[in-house]
C-alpha cells in the first residue's frame, strides 16, 4: 500500500506548477509581441557599430541609427527580447557579420513608441523554447500529483 502524498509535497508540487504557469504566460506574451513586430512599420537604418563582446559567453552588439519622420533614433536591439548568448565566439560573430558597419538595414519600429526598434522581427526559436519549458514545468508536476493521488486512492 502506497502512503498518501503529504500536504507539504502537494504544496511544493502546486507551487512548481504555478511557476511553470507564470513562465508559460510570460513566454506567450513575448511570442505574441514578437509576432506583432512583423507588422510594425519599417524605415531604413545605418549600422554604426558591430562587434562581439564577452569572454565565456559571447554576445553580438549591433548599434544603428534610423529616422522616423524627422526624428533620429538609435537602438542596439536585434530582436524584441534579445537573449542571445553564444558559447562559441564564431557563432556570435556570424550574427555580427550580418550587420557590418555602414550597412543599410531595414529597421522595424514600434508605431506607438518609435524609439523601440529591432532588426529581426517575428517569433524566433527562443520564444518557442521558453513556451515549451513553461508548459513542461506547468504540466509535469500536475501529472505527478494526479498519479500520486490515484495511487493513494487505489491503496485505500
Protein backbone atom coordinates (compact mmCIF):
# COMPACT_ATOMS: atom_id res chain seq x y z
CA UNK A 1 0.00 0.00 0.00
CA UNK A 2 1.35 3.37 -1.01
CA UNK A 3 1.11 6.16 1.54
CA UNK A 4 -0.74 9.32 0.54
CA UNK A 5 1.17 12.38 -0.57
CA UNK A 6 1.83 14.84 2.26
CA UNK A 7 0.36 18.33 2.38
CA UNK A 8 3.85 19.84 2.12
CA UNK A 9 4.64 17.82 -1.01
CA UNK A 10 1.29 18.81 -2.50
CA UNK A 11 2.05 22.46 -1.80
CA UNK A 12 5.51 22.15 -3.40
CA UNK A 13 4.00 20.50 -6.48
CA UNK A 14 1.35 23.20 -6.81
CA UNK A 15 3.95 25.98 -6.38
CA UNK A 16 6.18 24.38 -9.02
CA UNK A 17 3.23 24.12 -11.36
CA UNK A 18 2.31 27.78 -10.74
CA UNK A 19 5.90 28.75 -11.54
CA UNK A 20 5.54 26.85 -14.81
CA UNK A 21 2.28 28.66 -15.49
CA UNK A 22 3.99 32.01 -14.90
CA UNK A 23 6.80 31.09 -17.34
CA UNK A 24 4.17 29.95 -19.87
CA UNK A 25 2.24 33.23 -19.59
CA UNK A 26 5.47 35.25 -19.87
CA UNK A 27 6.60 33.25 -22.93
CA UNK A 28 3.16 33.50 -24.56
CA UNK A 29 3.15 37.27 -24.09
CA UNK A 30 6.66 37.56 -25.55
CA UNK A 31 5.68 35.36 -28.50
CA UNK A 32 2.57 37.43 -29.22
CA UNK A 33 4.57 40.66 -29.09
CA UNK A 34 7.24 39.16 -31.34
CA UNK A 35 4.56 38.10 -33.82
CA UNK A 36 3.08 41.61 -33.81
CA UNK A 37 6.52 43.11 -34.53
CA UNK A 38 6.37 41.62 -38.04
CA UNK A 39 3.65 44.14 -38.89
CA UNK A 40 5.50 47.17 -37.45
CA UNK A 41 6.31 49.95 -39.92
CA UNK A 42 9.83 49.99 -41.31
CA UNK A 43 12.41 52.58 -42.14
CA UNK A 44 15.99 52.49 -43.33
CA UNK A 45 18.74 52.48 -40.76
CA UNK A 46 22.53 52.53 -40.78
CA UNK A 47 24.79 50.31 -38.68
CA UNK A 48 27.42 52.38 -36.86
CA UNK A 49 28.89 49.68 -34.61
CA UNK A 50 29.11 45.91 -34.97
CA UNK A 51 31.17 43.82 -32.57
CA UNK A 52 31.19 40.77 -30.34
CA UNK A 53 31.68 41.13 -26.59
CA UNK A 54 32.24 38.61 -23.82
CA UNK A 55 34.75 36.02 -22.72
CA UNK A 56 32.92 32.83 -21.67
CA UNK A 57 29.64 33.78 -23.34
CA UNK A 58 29.71 35.86 -26.50
CA UNK A 59 27.13 38.50 -27.43
CA UNK A 60 26.80 40.30 -30.76
CA UNK A 61 26.48 44.06 -30.10
CA UNK A 62 24.95 45.92 -33.02
CA UNK A 63 24.23 49.66 -32.88
CA UNK A 64 22.29 51.52 -35.53
CA UNK A 65 20.60 54.84 -36.26
CA UNK A 66 17.29 55.33 -38.01
CA UNK A 67 14.81 58.11 -38.69
CA UNK A 68 11.08 58.20 -38.10
CA UNK A 69 9.64 61.31 -39.73
CA UNK A 70 12.37 63.86 -38.97
CA UNK A 71 13.49 62.46 -35.61
CA UNK A 72 16.69 60.43 -35.36
CA UNK A 73 16.76 57.40 -33.08
CA UNK A 74 19.39 54.89 -32.09
CA UNK A 75 18.99 51.28 -30.99
CA UNK A 76 21.04 48.23 -30.08
CA UNK A 77 18.32 45.63 -30.30
CA UNK A 78 18.41 42.90 -32.90
CA UNK A 79 15.26 41.14 -31.68
CA UNK A 80 12.40 42.15 -29.44
CA UNK A 81 13.57 40.08 -26.47
CA UNK A 82 17.21 39.66 -27.31
CA UNK A 83 18.62 36.97 -25.05
CA UNK A 84 21.19 35.60 -27.46
CA UNK A 85 24.44 34.49 -25.88
CA UNK A 86 26.77 32.12 -27.65
CA UNK A 87 29.29 29.62 -26.32
CA UNK A 88 31.43 29.99 -29.42
CA UNK A 89 32.74 33.36 -30.48
CA UNK A 90 32.36 32.47 -34.16
CA UNK A 91 28.60 31.92 -33.68
CA UNK A 92 28.20 35.41 -32.22
CA UNK A 93 30.49 36.76 -34.94
CA UNK A 94 28.25 35.20 -37.61
CA UNK A 95 25.37 37.32 -36.28
CA UNK A 96 27.54 40.44 -36.14
CA UNK A 97 28.73 39.77 -39.70
CA UNK A 98 25.14 40.06 -40.91
CA UNK A 99 25.25 43.71 -39.80
CA UNK A 100 28.57 45.27 -40.89
CA UNK A 101 29.37 48.91 -40.08
CA UNK A 102 27.87 51.39 -42.59
CA UNK A 103 25.40 48.79 -43.91
CA UNK A 104 21.89 49.97 -44.71
CA UNK A 105 19.32 47.84 -42.88
CA UNK A 106 15.56 47.56 -42.62
CA UNK A 107 14.54 48.75 -39.15
CA UNK A 108 11.18 47.72 -37.69
CA UNK A 109 9.92 50.24 -35.15
CA UNK A 110 7.02 50.21 -32.74
CA UNK A 111 4.34 52.52 -34.15
CA UNK A 112 3.38 53.69 -30.65
CA UNK A 113 6.98 54.06 -29.39
CA UNK A 114 9.27 54.96 -32.27
CA UNK A 115 12.34 54.66 -30.02
CA UNK A 116 11.68 50.90 -29.74
CA UNK A 117 13.17 49.24 -32.80
CA UNK A 118 14.54 45.88 -33.94
CA UNK A 119 16.26 44.40 -36.96
CA UNK A 120 14.77 40.88 -36.88
CA UNK A 121 11.03 40.78 -36.19
CA UNK A 122 8.84 37.78 -35.52
CA UNK A 123 8.80 34.68 -33.37
CA UNK A 124 12.19 33.00 -33.04
CA UNK A 125 13.42 29.73 -31.59
CA UNK A 126 13.94 31.12 -28.10
CA UNK A 127 10.24 32.08 -27.92
CA UNK A 128 9.16 28.51 -28.72
CA UNK A 129 11.78 27.08 -26.35
CA UNK A 130 10.59 29.21 -23.41
CA UNK A 131 6.97 28.35 -24.14
CA UNK A 132 7.75 24.61 -24.16
CA UNK A 133 9.82 24.84 -20.97
CA UNK A 134 6.98 26.69 -19.25
CA UNK A 135 4.43 24.10 -20.36
CA UNK A 136 6.62 21.23 -19.17
CA UNK A 137 7.20 22.88 -15.78
CA UNK A 138 3.45 23.55 -15.54
CA UNK A 139 2.15 20.14 -16.63
CA UNK A 140 4.74 17.69 -15.24
CA UNK A 141 4.09 18.39 -11.53
CA UNK A 142 0.34 18.20 -12.08
CA UNK A 143 0.65 14.83 -13.82
CA UNK A 144 2.77 13.60 -10.91
CA UNK A 145 0.24 14.90 -8.39
CA UNK A 146 -2.69 13.25 -10.18
CA UNK A 147 -0.74 9.99 -10.43
CA UNK A 148 0.11 10.09 -6.70
CA UNK A 149 -3.47 10.82 -5.71
CA UNK A 150 -4.79 7.94 -7.86
CA UNK A 151 -2.20 5.53 -6.47
CA UNK A 152 -3.08 6.57 -2.91
CA UNK A 153 -6.80 6.05 -3.57
CA UNK A 154 -6.21 2.62 -5.07
CA UNK A 155 -4.40 1.59 -1.94
CA UNK A 156 -7.32 2.57 0.30
